[in-house]
N, C-alpha and C. Protein backbone atom coordinates (compact mmCIF):
# COMPACT_ATOMS: atom_id res chain seq x y z
N MET A 1 95.54 145.99 174.61
CA MET A 1 96.85 145.77 174.07
C MET A 1 97.05 144.30 173.69
N ALA A 2 96.50 143.42 174.48
CA ALA A 2 96.62 142.00 174.21
C ALA A 2 95.93 141.63 172.91
N ARG A 3 94.83 142.34 172.59
CA ARG A 3 94.13 142.07 171.34
C ARG A 3 94.98 142.44 170.14
N LEU A 4 95.72 143.50 170.20
CA LEU A 4 96.56 143.91 169.09
C LEU A 4 97.66 142.88 168.83
N LEU A 5 98.20 142.32 169.89
CA LEU A 5 99.25 141.32 169.71
C LEU A 5 98.70 140.04 169.09
N ARG A 6 97.47 139.69 169.46
CA ARG A 6 96.88 138.48 168.89
C ARG A 6 96.59 138.64 167.41
N ARG A 7 96.17 139.81 166.98
CA ARG A 7 95.85 140.04 165.58
C ARG A 7 97.09 139.98 164.70
N ASN A 8 98.20 140.42 165.19
CA ASN A 8 99.41 140.44 164.39
C ASN A 8 100.08 139.06 164.30
N ARG A 9 99.75 138.21 165.23
CA ARG A 9 100.34 136.88 165.23
C ARG A 9 99.74 136.04 164.10
N LYS A 10 100.57 135.29 163.39
CA LYS A 10 100.10 134.44 162.29
C LYS A 10 99.45 133.18 162.86
N ARG A 11 98.41 132.75 162.19
CA ARG A 11 97.76 131.51 162.60
C ARG A 11 98.58 130.33 162.08
N LEU A 12 98.60 129.27 162.85
CA LEU A 12 99.28 128.06 162.43
C LEU A 12 98.40 127.32 161.42
N VAL A 13 99.05 126.79 160.39
CA VAL A 13 98.32 126.01 159.40
C VAL A 13 98.21 124.58 159.93
N SER A 14 96.99 124.12 160.09
CA SER A 14 96.79 122.79 160.65
C SER A 14 96.36 121.78 159.58
N GLU A 15 96.57 122.10 158.31
CA GLU A 15 96.22 121.20 157.22
C GLU A 15 97.45 120.43 156.76
N ILE A 16 97.23 119.23 156.27
CA ILE A 16 98.32 118.42 155.75
C ILE A 16 98.55 118.80 154.29
N ASN A 17 99.80 119.01 153.94
CA ASN A 17 100.14 119.34 152.56
C ASN A 17 100.26 118.03 151.78
N VAL A 18 99.35 117.80 150.83
CA VAL A 18 99.31 116.53 150.10
C VAL A 18 100.05 116.58 148.77
N VAL A 19 100.56 117.72 148.38
CA VAL A 19 101.25 117.85 147.09
C VAL A 19 102.46 116.91 147.00
N PRO A 20 103.31 116.80 148.01
CA PRO A 20 104.43 115.85 147.90
C PRO A 20 103.96 114.40 147.75
N TYR A 21 102.87 114.04 148.39
CA TYR A 21 102.35 112.68 148.26
C TYR A 21 101.87 112.42 146.84
N ILE A 22 101.22 113.40 146.24
CA ILE A 22 100.76 113.27 144.86
C ILE A 22 101.96 113.13 143.92
N ASP A 23 103.01 113.89 144.15
CA ASP A 23 104.21 113.79 143.33
C ASP A 23 104.82 112.39 143.40
N VAL A 24 104.91 111.85 144.59
CA VAL A 24 105.46 110.51 144.77
C VAL A 24 104.59 109.47 144.07
N MET A 25 103.28 109.59 144.20
CA MET A 25 102.36 108.64 143.55
C MET A 25 102.48 108.70 142.03
N LEU A 26 102.63 109.88 141.47
CA LEU A 26 102.78 110.01 140.02
C LEU A 26 104.09 109.38 139.54
N VAL A 27 105.15 109.57 140.30
CA VAL A 27 106.43 108.95 139.94
C VAL A 27 106.31 107.42 139.99
N LEU A 28 105.65 106.89 141.03
CA LEU A 28 105.46 105.45 141.12
C LEU A 28 104.59 104.93 139.98
N LEU A 29 103.58 105.68 139.60
CA LEU A 29 102.73 105.29 138.48
C LEU A 29 103.53 105.21 137.19
N VAL A 30 104.38 106.18 136.95
CA VAL A 30 105.22 106.18 135.74
C VAL A 30 106.17 104.99 135.76
N ILE A 31 106.76 104.70 136.91
CA ILE A 31 107.68 103.57 137.02
C ILE A 31 106.95 102.26 136.71
N PHE A 32 105.76 102.06 137.27
CA PHE A 32 105.00 100.84 137.00
C PHE A 32 104.58 100.75 135.55
N MET A 33 104.22 101.86 134.94
CA MET A 33 103.81 101.84 133.54
C MET A 33 104.98 101.49 132.62
N VAL A 34 106.17 101.91 132.99
CA VAL A 34 107.35 101.61 132.17
C VAL A 34 107.79 100.17 132.36
N THR A 35 107.73 99.66 133.59
CA THR A 35 108.25 98.31 133.84
C THR A 35 107.24 97.20 133.60
N ALA A 36 105.95 97.48 133.57
CA ALA A 36 104.93 96.44 133.40
C ALA A 36 105.10 95.65 132.10
N PRO A 37 105.36 96.28 130.96
CA PRO A 37 105.53 95.47 129.74
C PRO A 37 106.75 94.56 129.77
N MET A 38 107.72 94.86 130.62
CA MET A 38 108.93 94.05 130.69
C MET A 38 108.75 92.82 131.57
N LEU A 39 107.62 92.69 132.24
CA LEU A 39 107.42 91.60 133.19
C LEU A 39 106.74 90.38 132.57
N THR A 40 106.79 90.22 131.27
CA THR A 40 106.17 89.07 130.62
C THR A 40 106.98 87.83 130.97
N PRO A 41 106.38 86.92 131.75
CA PRO A 41 107.13 85.73 132.13
C PRO A 41 107.20 84.74 130.99
N GLY A 42 108.20 83.88 131.05
CA GLY A 42 108.29 82.82 130.06
C GLY A 42 109.68 82.64 129.52
N VAL A 43 109.73 81.83 128.52
CA VAL A 43 110.98 81.46 127.88
C VAL A 43 111.21 82.40 126.71
N PRO A 44 112.43 82.90 126.52
CA PRO A 44 112.67 83.78 125.37
C PRO A 44 112.53 83.01 124.06
N ILE A 45 111.56 83.42 123.25
CA ILE A 45 111.27 82.74 121.99
C ILE A 45 111.15 83.79 120.90
N GLU A 46 111.77 83.52 119.76
CA GLU A 46 111.64 84.38 118.59
C GLU A 46 110.42 83.90 117.81
N LEU A 47 109.30 84.62 117.95
CA LEU A 47 108.07 84.20 117.28
C LEU A 47 108.12 84.56 115.80
N PRO A 48 107.54 83.72 114.95
CA PRO A 48 107.48 84.06 113.52
C PRO A 48 106.49 85.20 113.31
N GLU A 49 106.68 85.94 112.22
CA GLU A 49 105.79 87.06 111.92
C GLU A 49 104.63 86.59 111.06
N ALA A 50 103.47 87.21 111.25
CA ALA A 50 102.29 86.89 110.46
C ALA A 50 101.67 88.19 109.98
N SER A 51 101.14 88.18 108.76
CA SER A 51 100.58 89.41 108.20
C SER A 51 99.08 89.52 108.43
N THR A 52 98.51 88.68 109.27
CA THR A 52 97.08 88.73 109.54
C THR A 52 96.79 89.59 110.77
N GLU A 53 95.54 89.96 110.91
CA GLU A 53 95.12 90.73 112.08
C GLU A 53 94.97 89.79 113.27
N PRO A 54 95.35 90.24 114.47
CA PRO A 54 95.18 89.37 115.64
C PRO A 54 93.70 89.16 115.95
N LEU A 55 93.38 87.97 116.44
CA LEU A 55 92.01 87.66 116.80
C LEU A 55 91.68 88.26 118.16
N PRO A 56 90.42 88.65 118.37
CA PRO A 56 90.06 89.17 119.70
C PRO A 56 90.17 88.06 120.73
N ILE A 57 90.68 88.42 121.89
CA ILE A 57 90.89 87.44 122.96
C ILE A 57 89.81 87.63 124.01
N ASP A 58 89.20 86.52 124.43
CA ASP A 58 88.22 86.55 125.51
C ASP A 58 88.99 86.68 126.82
N THR A 59 88.89 87.84 127.46
CA THR A 59 89.68 88.09 128.66
C THR A 59 89.12 87.41 129.90
N ASP A 60 87.92 86.81 129.79
CA ASP A 60 87.35 86.13 130.95
C ASP A 60 88.08 84.83 131.25
N GLU A 61 88.56 84.16 130.20
CA GLU A 61 89.25 82.89 130.38
C GLU A 61 90.74 83.03 130.10
N GLU A 62 91.53 82.48 130.98
CA GLU A 62 92.98 82.47 130.80
C GLU A 62 93.34 81.28 129.92
N PRO A 63 93.96 81.51 128.75
CA PRO A 63 94.31 80.37 127.90
C PRO A 63 95.50 79.60 128.47
N LEU A 64 95.59 78.36 128.09
CA LEU A 64 96.73 77.52 128.45
C LEU A 64 97.82 77.76 127.41
N VAL A 65 98.99 78.20 127.84
CA VAL A 65 100.07 78.55 126.91
C VAL A 65 101.16 77.49 126.98
N ILE A 66 101.46 76.92 125.81
CA ILE A 66 102.55 75.94 125.69
C ILE A 66 103.61 76.57 124.80
N SER A 67 104.82 76.70 125.32
CA SER A 67 105.92 77.32 124.58
C SER A 67 106.92 76.25 124.15
N MET A 68 107.51 76.46 122.97
CA MET A 68 108.53 75.55 122.45
C MET A 68 109.71 76.39 121.98
N ASN A 69 110.90 76.11 122.51
CA ASN A 69 112.07 76.88 122.08
C ASN A 69 112.69 76.23 120.84
N GLY A 70 113.80 76.79 120.37
CA GLY A 70 114.44 76.32 119.15
C GLY A 70 114.97 74.90 119.23
N GLN A 71 115.22 74.39 120.44
CA GLN A 71 115.72 73.02 120.61
C GLN A 71 114.57 72.01 120.71
N GLY A 72 113.33 72.48 120.66
CA GLY A 72 112.18 71.59 120.74
C GLY A 72 111.73 71.28 122.15
N GLU A 73 112.27 71.98 123.15
CA GLU A 73 111.86 71.76 124.53
C GLU A 73 110.49 72.40 124.76
N LEU A 74 109.66 71.73 125.56
CA LEU A 74 108.31 72.20 125.86
C LEU A 74 108.27 72.88 127.22
N PHE A 75 107.50 73.95 127.31
CA PHE A 75 107.28 74.67 128.55
C PHE A 75 105.78 74.93 128.65
N ILE A 76 105.22 74.77 129.84
CA ILE A 76 103.77 74.97 130.01
C ILE A 76 103.55 75.86 131.22
N ASN A 77 102.54 76.73 131.14
CA ASN A 77 102.31 77.70 132.21
C ASN A 77 101.39 77.17 133.30
N VAL A 78 101.27 75.86 133.45
CA VAL A 78 100.43 75.26 134.48
C VAL A 78 101.23 74.20 135.21
N GLY A 79 101.10 74.16 136.53
CA GLY A 79 101.73 73.10 137.32
C GLY A 79 103.22 73.25 137.47
N GLY A 80 103.73 74.44 137.38
CA GLY A 80 105.17 74.67 137.54
C GLY A 80 105.45 76.15 137.37
N ASP A 81 106.72 76.48 137.25
CA ASP A 81 107.08 77.89 137.12
C ASP A 81 107.05 78.37 135.68
N GLY A 82 106.87 77.49 134.71
CA GLY A 82 106.80 77.89 133.32
C GLY A 82 108.14 78.04 132.64
N SER A 83 109.23 77.90 133.38
CA SER A 83 110.55 78.03 132.77
C SER A 83 111.34 76.72 132.84
N THR A 84 110.70 75.66 133.33
CA THR A 84 111.34 74.35 133.39
C THR A 84 110.81 73.49 132.25
N PRO A 85 111.70 72.91 131.43
CA PRO A 85 111.23 72.08 130.32
C PRO A 85 110.50 70.84 130.82
N VAL A 86 109.46 70.44 130.09
CA VAL A 86 108.71 69.24 130.43
C VAL A 86 108.70 68.31 129.22
N THR A 87 108.44 67.04 129.48
CA THR A 87 108.34 66.07 128.38
C THR A 87 106.94 66.12 127.79
N LEU A 88 106.79 65.47 126.66
CA LEU A 88 105.49 65.43 125.99
C LEU A 88 104.45 64.72 126.88
N GLY A 89 104.87 63.69 127.60
CA GLY A 89 103.96 62.97 128.50
C GLY A 89 103.49 63.82 129.66
N VAL A 90 104.42 64.59 130.26
CA VAL A 90 104.05 65.48 131.37
C VAL A 90 103.11 66.56 130.87
N MET A 91 103.39 67.12 129.68
CA MET A 91 102.51 68.13 129.11
C MET A 91 101.12 67.56 128.90
N LYS A 92 101.06 66.33 128.39
CA LYS A 92 99.77 65.68 128.13
C LYS A 92 98.98 65.53 129.44
N ASP A 93 99.65 65.08 130.51
CA ASP A 93 98.98 64.91 131.81
C ASP A 93 98.46 66.23 132.35
N ARG A 94 99.27 67.28 132.26
CA ARG A 94 98.84 68.59 132.77
C ARG A 94 97.67 69.15 131.97
N VAL A 95 97.70 68.98 130.66
CA VAL A 95 96.60 69.47 129.82
C VAL A 95 95.32 68.70 130.15
N MET A 96 95.43 67.38 130.37
CA MET A 96 94.25 66.59 130.73
C MET A 96 93.66 67.07 132.06
N LYS A 97 94.51 67.41 133.03
CA LYS A 97 94.02 67.91 134.32
C LYS A 97 93.31 69.25 134.15
N VAL A 98 93.88 70.13 133.32
CA VAL A 98 93.25 71.43 133.09
C VAL A 98 91.91 71.25 132.40
N LEU A 99 91.84 70.37 131.40
CA LEU A 99 90.57 70.14 130.69
C LEU A 99 89.53 69.48 131.59
N ALA A 100 89.97 68.66 132.53
CA ALA A 100 89.02 68.05 133.47
C ALA A 100 88.42 69.11 134.38
N ALA A 101 89.25 70.08 134.79
CA ALA A 101 88.77 71.15 135.67
C ALA A 101 87.97 72.20 134.91
N LYS A 102 88.44 72.55 133.71
CA LYS A 102 87.78 73.59 132.90
C LYS A 102 87.63 73.09 131.47
N PRO A 103 86.56 72.40 131.16
CA PRO A 103 86.37 71.93 129.78
C PRO A 103 86.25 73.11 128.82
N GLY A 104 86.79 72.95 127.64
CA GLY A 104 86.70 74.01 126.64
C GLY A 104 87.80 75.05 126.75
N THR A 105 88.80 74.82 127.58
CA THR A 105 89.92 75.76 127.70
C THR A 105 90.69 75.79 126.39
N SER A 106 90.99 77.00 125.93
CA SER A 106 91.76 77.12 124.68
C SER A 106 93.25 77.00 124.98
N VAL A 107 93.99 76.51 124.00
CA VAL A 107 95.43 76.32 124.13
C VAL A 107 96.12 77.18 123.09
N GLN A 108 97.16 77.88 123.50
CA GLN A 108 97.96 78.69 122.58
C GLN A 108 99.36 78.11 122.52
N LEU A 109 99.85 77.89 121.30
CA LEU A 109 101.21 77.38 121.09
C LEU A 109 102.12 78.53 120.71
N ARG A 110 103.20 78.69 121.46
CA ARG A 110 104.23 79.68 121.15
C ARG A 110 105.46 78.91 120.70
N GLY A 111 105.73 78.91 119.41
CA GLY A 111 106.86 78.16 118.89
C GLY A 111 107.91 79.08 118.31
N ASP A 112 109.18 78.79 118.60
CA ASP A 112 110.28 79.56 118.05
C ASP A 112 110.27 79.42 116.52
N GLU A 113 110.64 80.50 115.81
CA GLU A 113 110.57 80.44 114.35
C GLU A 113 111.58 79.46 113.75
N GLY A 114 112.61 79.09 114.49
CA GLY A 114 113.58 78.12 114.01
C GLY A 114 113.20 76.68 114.34
N LEU A 115 112.02 76.49 114.90
CA LEU A 115 111.57 75.17 115.34
C LEU A 115 111.16 74.30 114.15
N ASP A 116 111.45 73.01 114.26
CA ASP A 116 111.08 72.05 113.22
C ASP A 116 109.55 71.91 113.17
N TYR A 117 109.01 71.92 111.96
CA TYR A 117 107.56 71.82 111.76
C TYR A 117 107.01 70.51 112.31
N GLY A 118 107.77 69.45 112.23
CA GLY A 118 107.33 68.15 112.74
C GLY A 118 107.09 68.17 114.23
N THR A 119 107.91 68.92 114.97
CA THR A 119 107.74 69.03 116.41
C THR A 119 106.42 69.71 116.75
N VAL A 120 106.11 70.78 116.01
CA VAL A 120 104.85 71.50 116.23
C VAL A 120 103.67 70.57 115.94
N MET A 121 103.75 69.82 114.85
CA MET A 121 102.67 68.91 114.49
C MET A 121 102.51 67.78 115.52
N GLU A 122 103.62 67.32 116.08
CA GLU A 122 103.55 66.28 117.10
C GLU A 122 102.83 66.79 118.34
N VAL A 123 103.15 68.01 118.76
CA VAL A 123 102.50 68.60 119.93
C VAL A 123 101.01 68.83 119.64
N MET A 124 100.70 69.35 118.45
CA MET A 124 99.30 69.59 118.10
C MET A 124 98.52 68.27 118.03
N GLY A 125 99.13 67.22 117.52
CA GLY A 125 98.47 65.91 117.49
C GLY A 125 98.21 65.37 118.88
N THR A 126 99.18 65.56 119.78
CA THR A 126 99.01 65.12 121.16
C THR A 126 97.87 65.89 121.82
N LEU A 127 97.83 67.20 121.60
CA LEU A 127 96.76 68.02 122.18
C LEU A 127 95.40 67.60 121.65
N GLN A 128 95.33 67.33 120.36
CA GLN A 128 94.06 66.90 119.77
C GLN A 128 93.64 65.54 120.34
N GLY A 129 94.60 64.66 120.56
CA GLY A 129 94.30 63.36 121.13
C GLY A 129 93.79 63.44 122.56
N VAL A 130 94.23 64.45 123.29
CA VAL A 130 93.79 64.65 124.67
C VAL A 130 92.36 65.21 124.71
N GLY A 131 91.96 65.90 123.65
CA GLY A 131 90.61 66.46 123.61
C GLY A 131 90.55 67.97 123.51
N VAL A 132 91.67 68.60 123.21
CA VAL A 132 91.68 70.06 123.04
C VAL A 132 90.98 70.38 121.72
N THR A 133 90.00 71.28 121.79
CA THR A 133 89.23 71.63 120.58
C THR A 133 89.64 72.98 120.00
N SER A 134 90.35 73.78 120.78
CA SER A 134 90.73 75.12 120.31
C SER A 134 92.23 75.32 120.52
N ILE A 135 92.99 75.30 119.42
CA ILE A 135 94.44 75.50 119.47
C ILE A 135 94.77 76.72 118.64
N GLY A 136 95.47 77.67 119.24
CA GLY A 136 95.89 78.87 118.52
C GLY A 136 97.40 78.92 118.42
N LEU A 137 97.90 79.44 117.31
CA LEU A 137 99.34 79.62 117.13
C LEU A 137 99.67 81.09 117.34
N VAL A 138 100.61 81.37 118.23
CA VAL A 138 100.99 82.74 118.55
C VAL A 138 102.07 83.19 117.57
N ALA A 139 101.90 84.40 117.02
CA ALA A 139 102.88 84.95 116.07
C ALA A 139 103.03 86.44 116.32
N GLU A 140 104.15 87.00 115.90
CA GLU A 140 104.40 88.44 116.00
C GLU A 140 103.77 89.12 114.80
N THR A 141 103.20 90.30 115.01
CA THR A 141 102.70 91.08 113.88
C THR A 141 103.81 92.01 113.41
N PRO A 142 103.99 92.15 112.10
CA PRO A 142 105.09 92.98 111.60
C PRO A 142 104.86 94.45 111.86
């Protein structure tokens, strides 16, 4: 009689149900995929449009990015938070330190489309005087 009672009794499931964990992970993945493009740090700049194809970027080296807003203020992504304006002299010192540590580092200039051309040329001349051999201008593709 005891055997009959044991057969009718349901066995307990001792496995962990992983479906809810997978659901949570997929939701987190979607959230990160949606928010990742919005996390671009820096100063809000309206880049000019260019009709050329973008150049391939060497992902092994992080370029030095110098941003200039419409008022001509300089921002650099080295030696600070990147959102504090720096003078031309401070920018020059920081670029020299980067070039001393990593010779051949490329520099990218992000200039607001309303920026005076003379300001851009002054910064490019300073960079060339410091020894920068590769300067790129960042632009929006239409």
